[in-house]
Amino acid sequence: MNYIFIFLILISFICAIINGTMAEVVDAILKSSQKAVEIALSLIGIMAFWLGMVNIAKKSGLMDFFSNIIKKPLLKIFPDLKENNEAISNIALNISANALGLMNAATPFGIKAMENMQEKNQNKEHATNSMCTFLAINTAGFQIVPAVVIAILSANGMENPSQIIIPTLIVTTIAFISALFFSKILERMFK
């Protein structure tokens, strides 16, 4: 991937030299760098807020409560994890954090869930059906509140960044259901 970026940058500089627009390219680089720092700083606030909320929810038992609510449907999606309660708990926490748009908070739960499933995996060279299904639905990224996207839109001056909540909910729900559907179909095809 690094080679691709180096290639694109070199081509950009060569084209700028040929077209005599090197000053504009340098100006764009500087402005984009400044904007990247502004967006990163604005994300710190929203991420700190939501990660704090997740910690409060964890300590108050709200995450466990929500996790227990979605465990039953998760056991229908992952029937071979009935004995692996830790994996189901981590999957539930991962889905909960993703639903709140907290990808950074969801990642450790997702990694831990995969580790839990790999511990019980009899063939360490191949992923289990549950691992593939979890990867598919996690990649689909179901979100109720896209907190990070709202923060980026807000940092870029959008007047009503929360207007993307409904479209995001629709799209991520369709992606989640599609990922689950195709995962289960492929699971049956490649037994």
N, C-alpha and C. Protein backbone atom coordinates (compact mmCIF):
# COMPACT_ATOMS: atom_id res chain seq x y z
N MET A 1 0.82 -1.18 0.00
CA MET A 1 0.00 0.00 0.00
C MET A 1 0.87 1.26 0.00
N ASN A 2 1.98 1.18 0.74
CA ASN A 2 2.88 2.34 0.79
C ASN A 2 3.42 2.67 -0.60
N TYR A 3 3.70 1.64 -1.37
CA TYR A 3 4.22 1.87 -2.72
C TYR A 3 3.20 2.58 -3.60
N ILE A 4 1.94 2.24 -3.41
CA ILE A 4 0.88 2.88 -4.19
C ILE A 4 0.82 4.38 -3.84
N PHE A 5 0.87 4.69 -2.54
CA PHE A 5 0.83 6.10 -2.14
C PHE A 5 2.05 6.86 -2.63
N ILE A 6 3.22 6.23 -2.54
CA ILE A 6 4.44 6.89 -3.04
C ILE A 6 4.31 7.15 -4.54
N PHE A 7 3.79 6.16 -5.26
CA PHE A 7 3.61 6.31 -6.70
C PHE A 7 2.65 7.45 -7.01
N LEU A 8 1.53 7.53 -6.30
CA LEU A 8 0.55 8.60 -6.52
C LEU A 8 1.13 9.98 -6.20
N ILE A 9 1.89 10.07 -5.14
CA ILE A 9 2.51 11.35 -4.78
C ILE A 9 3.53 11.77 -5.83
N LEU A 10 4.36 10.82 -6.26
CA LEU A 10 5.36 11.14 -7.29
C LEU A 10 4.69 11.57 -8.60
N ILE A 11 3.65 10.89 -9.00
CA ILE A 11 2.93 11.26 -10.22
C ILE A 11 2.33 12.66 -10.07
N SER A 12 1.80 12.97 -8.89
CA SER A 12 1.23 14.29 -8.64
C SER A 12 2.29 15.37 -8.78
N PHE A 13 3.46 15.13 -8.19
CA PHE A 13 4.53 16.12 -8.29
C PHE A 13 5.03 16.28 -9.72
N ILE A 14 5.14 15.17 -10.42
CA ILE A 14 5.59 15.24 -11.83
C ILE A 14 4.58 16.02 -12.67
N CYS A 15 3.29 15.72 -12.48
CA CYS A 15 2.26 16.45 -13.23
C CYS A 15 2.26 17.93 -12.86
N ALA A 16 2.49 18.25 -11.59
CA ALA A 16 2.52 19.64 -11.15
C ALA A 16 3.70 20.38 -11.77
N ILE A 17 4.83 19.70 -11.86
CA ILE A 17 6.02 20.33 -12.48
C ILE A 17 5.77 20.56 -13.96
N ILE A 18 5.21 19.57 -14.63
CA ILE A 18 4.93 19.69 -16.07
C ILE A 18 3.92 20.80 -16.35
N ASN A 19 2.88 20.88 -15.51
CA ASN A 19 1.83 21.88 -15.72
C ASN A 19 2.16 23.25 -15.11
N GLY A 20 3.25 23.33 -14.37
CA GLY A 20 3.63 24.59 -13.75
C GLY A 20 2.73 24.98 -12.59
N THR A 21 2.16 23.99 -11.90
CA THR A 21 1.24 24.26 -10.78
C THR A 21 1.80 23.76 -9.45
N MET A 22 3.12 23.78 -9.33
CA MET A 22 3.75 23.27 -8.11
C MET A 22 3.36 24.11 -6.89
N ALA A 23 3.21 25.42 -7.05
CA ALA A 23 2.83 26.29 -5.93
C ALA A 23 1.44 25.91 -5.42
N GLU A 24 0.51 25.61 -6.32
CA GLU A 24 -0.84 25.22 -5.91
C GLU A 24 -0.83 23.87 -5.18
N VAL A 25 0.03 22.96 -5.64
CA VAL A 25 0.11 21.65 -5.00
C VAL A 25 0.65 21.79 -3.58
N VAL A 26 1.70 22.57 -3.42
CA VAL A 26 2.28 22.79 -2.09
C VAL A 26 1.26 23.47 -1.19
N ASP A 27 0.54 24.47 -1.72
CA ASP A 27 -0.49 25.16 -0.95
C ASP A 27 -1.59 24.19 -0.52
N ALA A 28 -2.01 23.31 -1.42
CA ALA A 28 -3.05 22.33 -1.09
C ALA A 28 -2.56 21.35 -0.03
N ILE A 29 -1.29 20.96 -0.10
CA ILE A 29 -0.73 20.05 0.91
C ILE A 29 -0.76 20.71 2.29
N LEU A 30 -0.35 21.96 2.35
CA LEU A 30 -0.33 22.67 3.63
C LEU A 30 -1.74 22.86 4.20
N LYS A 31 -2.69 23.26 3.35
CA LYS A 31 -4.07 23.46 3.82
C LYS A 31 -4.70 22.13 4.26
N SER A 32 -4.44 21.07 3.51
CA SER A 32 -4.99 19.76 3.87
C SER A 32 -4.39 19.25 5.18
N SER A 33 -3.12 19.49 5.37
CA SER A 33 -2.48 19.07 6.63
C SER A 33 -3.08 19.81 7.80
N GLN A 34 -3.31 21.10 7.64
CA GLN A 34 -3.93 21.89 8.71
C GLN A 34 -5.33 21.39 9.01
N LYS A 35 -6.11 21.10 7.96
CA LYS A 35 -7.48 20.61 8.15
C LYS A 35 -7.47 19.23 8.82
N ALA A 36 -6.49 18.40 8.48
CA ALA A 36 -6.39 17.07 9.10
C ALA A 36 -6.16 17.19 10.60
N VAL A 37 -5.31 18.14 11.00
CA VAL A 37 -5.06 18.34 12.43
C VAL A 37 -6.32 18.85 13.12
N GLU A 38 -7.05 19.78 12.49
CA GLU A 38 -8.30 20.29 13.07
C GLU A 38 -9.32 19.17 13.27
N ILE A 39 -9.46 18.33 12.27
CA ILE A 39 -10.42 17.22 12.37
C ILE A 39 -9.99 16.24 13.45
N ALA A 40 -8.69 15.93 13.51
CA ALA A 40 -8.19 15.00 14.53
C ALA A 40 -8.45 15.56 15.93
N LEU A 41 -8.23 16.85 16.11
CA LEU A 41 -8.48 17.45 17.42
C LEU A 41 -9.97 17.43 17.78
N SER A 42 -10.82 17.65 16.80
CA SER A 42 -12.26 17.62 17.09
C SER A 42 -12.72 16.19 17.40
N LEU A 43 -12.05 15.20 16.80
CA LEU A 43 -12.41 13.81 17.08
C LEU A 43 -12.01 13.40 18.49
N ILE A 44 -10.97 14.02 19.02
CA ILE A 44 -10.55 13.69 20.38
C ILE A 44 -11.70 13.93 21.35
N GLY A 45 -12.37 15.05 21.19
CA GLY A 45 -13.49 15.38 22.08
C GLY A 45 -14.61 14.38 22.00
N ILE A 46 -15.07 14.08 20.80
CA ILE A 46 -16.21 13.16 20.65
C ILE A 46 -15.83 11.75 21.09
N MET A 47 -14.60 11.33 20.77
CA MET A 47 -14.17 9.99 21.17
C MET A 47 -14.03 9.91 22.69
N ALA A 48 -13.49 10.96 23.31
CA ALA A 48 -13.37 10.96 24.77
C ALA A 48 -14.75 10.90 25.41
N PHE A 49 -15.69 11.66 24.85
CA PHE A 49 -17.05 11.64 25.39
C PHE A 49 -17.66 10.25 25.30
N TRP A 50 -17.65 9.65 24.11
CA TRP A 50 -18.30 8.36 23.93
C TRP A 50 -17.57 7.24 24.66
N LEU A 51 -16.23 7.27 24.68
CA LEU A 51 -15.50 6.25 25.42
C LEU A 51 -15.79 6.38 26.92
N GLY A 52 -15.92 7.62 27.38
CA GLY A 52 -16.32 7.84 28.77
C GLY A 52 -17.71 7.28 29.04
N MET A 53 -18.62 7.50 28.09
CA MET A 53 -19.98 6.96 28.23
C MET A 53 -19.95 5.43 28.26
N VAL A 54 -19.10 4.84 27.43
CA VAL A 54 -18.98 3.37 27.42
C VAL A 54 -18.45 2.88 28.76
N ASN A 55 -17.45 3.57 29.31
CA ASN A 55 -16.92 3.17 30.62
C ASN A 55 -17.98 3.30 31.70
N ILE A 56 -18.75 4.38 31.68
CA ILE A 56 -19.84 4.54 32.64
C ILE A 56 -20.87 3.43 32.46
N ALA A 57 -21.20 3.14 31.20
CA ALA A 57 -22.17 2.07 30.92
C ALA A 57 -21.64 0.72 31.40
N LYS A 58 -20.34 0.48 31.22
CA LYS A 58 -19.76 -0.78 31.69
C LYS A 58 -19.80 -0.87 33.21
N LYS A 59 -19.38 0.20 33.88
CA LYS A 59 -19.33 0.17 35.34
C LYS A 59 -20.71 0.15 35.98
N SER A 60 -21.69 0.75 35.32
CA SER A 60 -23.05 0.75 35.87
C SER A 60 -23.81 -0.54 35.56
N GLY A 61 -23.24 -1.36 34.69
CA GLY A 61 -23.89 -2.61 34.32
C GLY A 61 -24.79 -2.50 33.11
N LEU A 62 -24.89 -1.30 32.52
CA LEU A 62 -25.75 -1.10 31.36
C LEU A 62 -25.25 -1.91 30.15
N MET A 63 -23.93 -1.95 29.97
CA MET A 63 -23.38 -2.73 28.85
C MET A 63 -23.67 -4.22 29.04
N ASP A 64 -23.52 -4.69 30.27
CA ASP A 64 -23.84 -6.09 30.56
C ASP A 64 -25.32 -6.38 30.33
N PHE A 65 -26.17 -5.43 30.73
CA PHE A 65 -27.61 -5.57 30.52
C PHE A 65 -27.92 -5.67 29.02
N PHE A 66 -27.36 -4.72 28.24
CA PHE A 66 -27.59 -4.73 26.79
C PHE A 66 -26.98 -5.99 26.17
N SER A 67 -25.80 -6.35 26.65
CA SER A 67 -25.13 -7.55 26.16
C SER A 67 -25.99 -8.79 26.42
N ASN A 68 -26.60 -8.87 27.60
CA ASN A 68 -27.47 -10.01 27.92
C ASN A 68 -28.71 -10.05 27.05
N ILE A 69 -29.22 -8.87 26.67
CA ILE A 69 -30.39 -8.81 25.81
C ILE A 69 -30.07 -9.38 24.43
N ILE A 70 -28.90 -9.03 23.89
CA ILE A 70 -28.60 -9.49 22.53
C ILE A 70 -27.88 -10.84 22.50
N LYS A 71 -27.58 -11.41 23.67
CA LYS A 71 -26.92 -12.72 23.68
C LYS A 71 -27.81 -13.81 23.08
N LYS A 72 -29.12 -13.79 23.40
CA LYS A 72 -30.00 -14.84 22.89
C LYS A 72 -30.07 -14.83 21.36
N PRO A 73 -30.29 -13.66 20.73
CA PRO A 73 -30.24 -13.67 19.26
C PRO A 73 -28.85 -14.06 18.72
N LEU A 74 -27.80 -13.68 19.45
CA LEU A 74 -26.45 -14.03 19.00
C LEU A 74 -26.22 -15.54 19.06
N LEU A 75 -26.82 -16.21 20.03
CA LEU A 75 -26.67 -17.66 20.10
C LEU A 75 -27.37 -18.36 18.94
N LYS A 76 -28.39 -17.71 18.37
CA LYS A 76 -29.03 -18.27 17.17
C LYS A 76 -28.13 -18.05 15.94
N ILE A 77 -27.42 -16.93 15.93
CA ILE A 77 -26.50 -16.65 14.82
C ILE A 77 -25.23 -17.50 14.95
N PHE A 78 -24.77 -17.70 16.19
CA PHE A 78 -23.55 -18.46 16.45
C PHE A 78 -23.86 -19.69 17.31
N PRO A 79 -24.56 -20.69 16.75
CA PRO A 79 -25.00 -21.82 17.58
C PRO A 79 -23.85 -22.65 18.15
N ASP A 80 -22.70 -22.65 17.51
CA ASP A 80 -21.59 -23.45 18.02
C ASP A 80 -20.81 -22.77 19.15
N LEU A 81 -21.28 -21.59 19.59
CA LEU A 81 -20.60 -20.88 20.68
C LEU A 81 -21.38 -20.98 22.00
N LYS A 82 -22.28 -21.94 22.11
CA LYS A 82 -23.08 -22.05 23.34
C LYS A 82 -22.20 -22.28 24.57
N GLU A 83 -21.10 -23.03 24.41
CA GLU A 83 -20.22 -23.29 25.54
C GLU A 83 -19.17 -22.19 25.70
N ASN A 84 -19.06 -21.31 24.73
CA ASN A 84 -18.01 -20.27 24.75
C ASN A 84 -18.64 -18.93 25.15
N ASN A 85 -18.99 -18.83 26.43
CA ASN A 85 -19.70 -17.65 26.92
C ASN A 85 -18.86 -16.37 26.79
N GLU A 86 -17.55 -16.50 26.96
CA GLU A 86 -16.68 -15.32 26.86
C GLU A 86 -16.69 -14.76 25.44
N ALA A 87 -16.68 -15.63 24.45
CA ALA A 87 -16.72 -15.16 23.05
C ALA A 87 -18.04 -14.46 22.76
N ILE A 88 -19.14 -15.03 23.20
CA ILE A 88 -20.46 -14.41 22.99
C ILE A 88 -20.52 -13.05 23.66
N SER A 89 -19.98 -12.95 24.89
CA SER A 89 -19.97 -11.67 25.60
C SER A 89 -19.16 -10.63 24.84
N ASN A 90 -18.00 -11.02 24.34
CA ASN A 90 -17.17 -10.07 23.59
C ASN A 90 -17.80 -9.69 22.26
N ILE A 91 -18.47 -10.64 21.62
CA ILE A 91 -19.19 -10.32 20.37
C ILE A 91 -20.30 -9.32 20.68
N ALA A 92 -21.03 -9.55 21.75
CA ALA A 92 -22.12 -8.63 22.14
C ALA A 92 -21.59 -7.24 22.44
N LEU A 93 -20.47 -7.16 23.15
CA LEU A 93 -19.88 -5.85 23.45
C LEU A 93 -19.36 -5.17 22.19
N ASN A 94 -18.79 -5.96 21.28
CA ASN A 94 -18.30 -5.41 20.01
C ASN A 94 -19.45 -4.83 19.19
N ILE A 95 -20.53 -5.58 19.08
CA ILE A 95 -21.69 -5.11 18.31
C ILE A 95 -22.30 -3.88 18.98
N SER A 96 -22.36 -3.88 20.31
CA SER A 96 -22.91 -2.74 21.04
C SER A 96 -22.09 -1.48 20.79
N ALA A 97 -20.76 -1.60 20.89
CA ALA A 97 -19.89 -0.44 20.66
C ALA A 97 -19.97 0.03 19.21
N ASN A 98 -20.02 -0.90 18.26
CA ASN A 98 -20.16 -0.52 16.85
C ASN A 98 -21.49 0.18 16.62
N ALA A 99 -22.55 -0.28 17.28
CA ALA A 99 -23.87 0.33 17.10
C ALA A 99 -23.86 1.79 17.54
N LEU A 100 -23.01 2.12 18.50
CA LEU A 100 -22.88 3.50 18.95
C LEU A 100 -21.86 4.29 18.13
N GLY A 101 -21.31 3.65 17.10
CA GLY A 101 -20.36 4.34 16.24
C GLY A 101 -18.98 4.46 16.84
N LEU A 102 -18.66 3.61 17.80
CA LEU A 102 -17.37 3.68 18.49
C LEU A 102 -16.45 2.56 18.02
N MET A 103 -16.00 2.69 16.78
CA MET A 103 -15.16 1.64 16.22
C MET A 103 -13.91 1.40 17.06
N ASN A 104 -13.31 2.46 17.60
CA ASN A 104 -12.10 2.30 18.40
C ASN A 104 -12.38 1.52 19.68
N ALA A 105 -13.54 1.72 20.26
CA ALA A 105 -13.91 0.97 21.47
C ALA A 105 -14.31 -0.46 21.12
N ALA A 106 -14.84 -0.67 19.93
CA ALA A 106 -15.30 -1.99 19.52
C ALA A 106 -14.15 -2.93 19.15
N THR A 107 -13.07 -2.36 18.65
CA THR A 107 -11.96 -3.18 18.15
C THR A 107 -11.39 -4.14 19.20
N PRO A 108 -11.08 -3.69 20.42
CA PRO A 108 -10.54 -4.65 21.40
C PRO A 108 -11.50 -5.80 21.70
N PHE A 109 -12.81 -5.51 21.74
CA PHE A 109 -13.79 -6.56 21.98
C PHE A 109 -13.81 -7.55 20.81
N GLY A 110 -13.70 -7.03 19.59
CA GLY A 110 -13.68 -7.90 18.41
C GLY A 110 -12.46 -8.79 18.37
N ILE A 111 -11.31 -8.22 18.70
CA ILE A 111 -10.07 -9.01 18.73
C ILE A 111 -10.16 -10.09 19.80
N LYS A 112 -10.66 -9.72 20.96
CA LYS A 112 -10.80 -10.68 22.06
C LYS A 112 -11.78 -11.79 21.68
N ALA A 113 -12.88 -11.44 21.01
CA ALA A 113 -13.85 -12.45 20.58
C ALA A 113 -13.21 -13.44 19.61
N MET A 114 -12.42 -12.92 18.67
CA MET A 114 -11.72 -13.81 17.72
C MET A 114 -10.73 -14.71 18.46
N GLU A 115 -10.02 -14.16 19.44
CA GLU A 115 -9.09 -14.98 20.22
C GLU A 115 -9.84 -16.07 20.98
N ASN A 116 -10.99 -15.72 21.57
CA ASN A 116 -11.81 -16.71 22.29
C ASN A 116 -12.26 -17.82 21.35
N MET A 117 -12.68 -17.45 20.15
CA MET A 117 -13.14 -18.47 19.19
C MET A 117 -11.97 -19.32 18.69
N GLN A 118 -10.80 -18.71 18.52
CA GLN A 118 -9.63 -19.45 18.04
C GLN A 118 -9.16 -20.46 19.09
N GLU A 119 -9.31 -20.13 20.38
CA GLU A 119 -8.93 -21.07 21.44
C GLU A 119 -9.72 -22.36 21.34
N LYS A 120 -11.01 -22.26 20.97
CA LYS A 120 -11.87 -23.45 20.88
C LYS A 120 -11.83 -24.10 19.50
N ASN A 121 -11.15 -23.45 18.56
CA ASN A 121 -11.07 -23.96 17.19
C ASN A 121 -10.19 -25.21 17.16
N GLN A 122 -10.72 -26.29 16.63
CA GLN A 122 -9.96 -27.54 16.57
C GLN A 122 -8.94 -27.52 15.44
N ASN A 123 -9.26 -26.86 14.34
CA ASN A 123 -8.34 -26.75 13.21
C ASN A 123 -7.80 -25.32 13.17
N LYS A 124 -6.66 -25.10 13.76
CA LYS A 124 -6.10 -23.75 13.92
C LYS A 124 -5.71 -23.10 12.59
N GLU A 125 -5.64 -23.89 11.53
CA GLU A 125 -5.26 -23.36 10.21
C GLU A 125 -6.44 -22.72 9.46
N HIS A 126 -7.66 -23.05 9.87
CA HIS A 126 -8.84 -22.55 9.17
C HIS A 126 -9.78 -21.85 10.16
N ALA A 127 -10.42 -20.80 9.68
CA ALA A 127 -11.40 -20.09 10.49
C ALA A 127 -12.68 -20.93 10.59
N THR A 128 -13.31 -20.84 11.74
CA THR A 128 -14.58 -21.55 11.92
C THR A 128 -15.69 -20.75 11.25
N ASN A 129 -16.85 -21.37 11.12
CA ASN A 129 -18.01 -20.67 10.56
C ASN A 129 -18.37 -19.45 11.41
N SER A 130 -18.28 -19.61 12.72
CA SER A 130 -18.59 -18.49 13.61
C SER A 130 -17.60 -17.34 13.41
N MET A 131 -16.35 -17.65 13.21
CA MET A 131 -15.35 -16.61 12.98
C MET A 131 -15.66 -15.86 11.69
N CYS A 132 -16.01 -16.60 10.65
CA CYS A 132 -16.32 -15.97 9.36
C CYS A 132 -17.60 -15.12 9.46
N THR A 133 -18.60 -15.64 10.15
CA THR A 133 -19.84 -14.89 10.32
C THR A 133 -19.59 -13.61 11.12
N PHE A 134 -18.80 -13.72 12.20
CA PHE A 134 -18.49 -12.54 13.00
C PHE A 134 -17.72 -11.52 12.18
N LEU A 135 -16.76 -11.98 11.40
CA LEU A 135 -16.00 -11.06 10.56
C LEU A 135 -16.92 -10.35 9.56
N ALA A 136 -17.85 -11.09 8.98
CA ALA A 136 -18.77 -10.50 8.00
C ALA A 136 -19.67 -9.44 8.63
N ILE A 137 -20.28 -9.77 9.77
CA ILE A 137 -21.20 -8.79 10.37
C ILE A 137 -20.43 -7.62 11.00
N ASN A 138 -19.22 -7.88 11.47
CA ASN A 138 -18.41 -6.81 12.02
C ASN A 138 -17.96 -5.86 10.92
N THR A 139 -17.63 -6.41 9.77
CA THR A 139 -17.23 -5.59 8.63
C THR A 139 -18.40 -4.76 8.11
N ALA A 140 -19.61 -5.31 8.21
CA ALA A 140 -20.79 -4.56 7.77
C ALA A 140 -20.98 -3.30 8.61
N GLY A 141 -20.55 -3.33 9.86
CA GLY A 141 -20.52 -2.14 10.70
C GLY A 141 -21.87 -1.53 11.02
N PHE A 142 -22.78 -2.33 11.55
CA PHE A 142 -24.10 -1.81 11.95
C PHE A 142 -23.93 -0.66 12.93
N GLN A 143 -24.59 0.46 12.64
CA GLN A 143 -24.50 1.64 13.51
C GLN A 143 -25.87 2.28 13.70
N ILE A 144 -26.17 2.60 14.94
CA ILE A 144 -27.37 3.36 15.25
C ILE A 144 -27.00 4.85 15.28
N VAL A 145 -25.91 5.15 15.96
CA VAL A 145 -25.42 6.53 16.07
C VAL A 145 -23.98 6.57 15.54
N PRO A 146 -23.77 7.09 14.33
CA PRO A 146 -22.40 7.17 13.79
C PRO A 146 -21.64 8.35 14.40
N ALA A 147 -21.19 8.18 15.64
CA ALA A 147 -20.60 9.28 16.41
C ALA A 147 -19.39 9.89 15.72
N VAL A 148 -18.51 9.06 15.19
CA VAL A 148 -17.28 9.58 14.57
C VAL A 148 -17.62 10.36 13.31
N VAL A 149 -18.52 9.86 12.51
CA VAL A 149 -18.91 10.55 11.27
C VAL A 149 -19.57 11.89 11.60
N ILE A 150 -20.41 11.89 12.61
CA ILE A 150 -21.05 13.15 13.03
C ILE A 150 -19.98 14.15 13.47
N ALA A 151 -18.98 13.67 14.19
CA ALA A 151 -17.90 14.57 14.64
C ALA A 151 -17.12 15.13 13.46
N ILE A 152 -16.84 14.31 12.46
CA ILE A 152 -16.11 14.79 11.28
C ILE A 152 -16.94 15.82 10.53
N LEU A 153 -18.22 15.53 10.34
CA LEU A 153 -19.09 16.49 9.64
C LEU A 153 -19.20 17.80 10.41
N SER A 154 -19.30 17.68 11.72
CA SER A 154 -19.37 18.88 12.56
C SER A 154 -18.08 19.69 12.46
N ALA A 155 -16.95 19.01 12.46
CA ALA A 155 -15.65 19.70 12.36
C ALA A 155 -15.49 20.39 11.02
N ASN A 156 -16.15 19.87 10.00
CA ASN A 156 -16.07 20.48 8.67
C ASN A 156 -17.15 21.53 8.45
N GLY A 157 -17.89 21.89 9.51
CA GLY A 157 -18.83 23.00 9.43
C GLY A 157 -20.24 22.66 8.94
N MET A 158 -20.62 21.41 8.92
CA MET A 158 -21.97 21.05 8.50
C MET A 158 -22.96 21.54 9.56
N GLU A 159 -24.04 22.16 9.13
CA GLU A 159 -25.01 22.74 10.07
C GLU A 159 -25.75 21.69 10.89
N ASN A 160 -26.19 20.62 10.27
CA ASN A 160 -26.95 19.59 10.97
C ASN A 160 -26.33 18.22 10.70
N PRO A 161 -25.21 17.92 11.35
CA PRO A 161 -24.55 16.65 11.05
C PRO A 161 -25.34 15.42 11.49
N SER A 162 -26.30 15.60 12.40
CA SER A 162 -27.07 14.45 12.86
C SER A 162 -28.11 13.97 11.84
N GLN A 163 -28.26 14.70 10.75
CA GLN A 163 -29.23 14.26 9.73
C GLN A 163 -28.80 12.98 9.03
N ILE A 164 -27.56 12.54 9.24
CA ILE A 164 -27.12 11.30 8.60
C ILE A 164 -27.49 10.07 9.42
N ILE A 165 -28.08 10.25 10.59
CA ILE A 165 -28.38 9.10 11.45
C ILE A 165 -29.35 8.12 10.77
N ILE A 166 -30.45 8.60 10.24
CA ILE A 166 -31.45 7.71 9.61
C ILE A 166 -30.87 7.01 8.37
N PRO A 167 -30.24 7.75 7.43
CA PRO A 167 -29.66 7.05 6.28
C PRO A 167 -28.59 6.03 6.69
N THR A 168 -27.79 6.38 7.69
CA THR A 168 -26.77 5.44 8.17
C THR A 168 -27.40 4.20 8.76
N LEU A 169 -28.45 4.40 9.55
CA LEU A 169 -29.15 3.26 10.14
C LEU A 169 -29.72 2.34 9.06
N ILE A 170 -30.31 2.92 8.04
CA ILE A 170 -30.88 2.11 6.94
C ILE A 170 -29.79 1.34 6.22
N VAL A 171 -28.73 2.03 5.83
CA VAL A 171 -27.66 1.40 5.04
C VAL A 171 -26.94 0.33 5.86
N THR A 172 -26.60 0.64 7.12
CA THR A 172 -25.87 -0.35 7.90
C THR A 172 -26.74 -1.54 8.29
N THR A 173 -28.04 -1.32 8.42
CA THR A 173 -28.94 -2.44 8.69
C THR A 173 -28.98 -3.38 7.48
N ILE A 174 -29.09 -2.80 6.29
CA ILE A 174 -29.09 -3.61 5.06
C ILE A 174 -27.76 -4.35 4.92
N ALA A 175 -26.65 -3.66 5.20
CA ALA A 175 -25.33 -4.29 5.11
C ALA A 175 -25.20 -5.43 6.12
N PHE A 176 -25.69 -5.21 7.34
CA PHE A 176 -25.63 -6.23 8.40
C PHE A 176 -26.43 -7.46 8.01
N ILE A 177 -27.65 -7.25 7.56
CA ILE A 177 -28.51 -8.37 7.18
C ILE A 177 -27.93 -9.11 5.97
N SER A 178 -27.41 -8.36 5.00
CA SER A 178 -26.79 -8.99 3.83
C SER A 178 -25.57 -9.81 4.21
N ALA A 179 -24.72 -9.26 5.08
CA ALA A 179 -23.53 -9.99 5.52
C ALA A 179 -23.92 -11.28 6.22
N LEU A 180 -24.91 -11.20 7.08
CA LEU A 180 -25.38 -12.38 7.80
C LEU A 180 -25.99 -13.40 6.84
N PHE A 181 -26.80 -12.93 5.92
CA PHE A 181 -27.46 -13.80 4.94
C PHE A 181 -26.43 -14.55 4.09
N PHE A 182 -25.48 -13.81 3.51
CA PHE A 182 -24.50 -14.44 2.63
C PHE A 182 -23.53 -15.32 3.41
N SER A 183 -23.24 -14.95 4.64
CA SER A 183 -22.38 -15.78 5.47
C SER A 183 -23.02 -17.14 5.73
N LYS A 184 -24.32 -17.11 6.03
CA LYS A 184 -25.02 -18.37 6.31
C LYS A 184 -25.18 -19.21 5.03
N ILE A 185 -25.40 -18.55 3.90
CA ILE A 185 -25.49 -19.30 2.64
C ILE A 185 -24.15 -19.95 2.30
N LEU A 186 -23.07 -19.18 2.41
CA LEU A 186 -21.75 -19.73 2.11
C LEU A 186 -21.35 -20.82 3.12
N GLU A 187 -21.81 -20.67 4.35
CA GLU A 187 -21.54 -21.68 5.37
C GLU A 187 -22.14 -23.02 4.96
N ARG A 188 -23.34 -22.99 4.39
CA ARG A 188 -23.98 -24.24 3.95
C ARG A 188 -23.34 -24.79 2.69
N MET A 189 -22.86 -23.91 1.81
CA MET A 189 -22.26 -24.35 0.56
C MET A 189 -20.91 -25.01 0.77
N PHE A 190 -20.15 -24.55 1.77
CA PHE A 190 -18.78 -25.03 1.94
C PHE A 190 -18.61 -25.80 3.26
N LYS A 191 -19.51 -26.73 3.52
CA LYS A 191 -19.41 -27.55 4.75
C LYS A 191 -18.28 -28.53 4.65
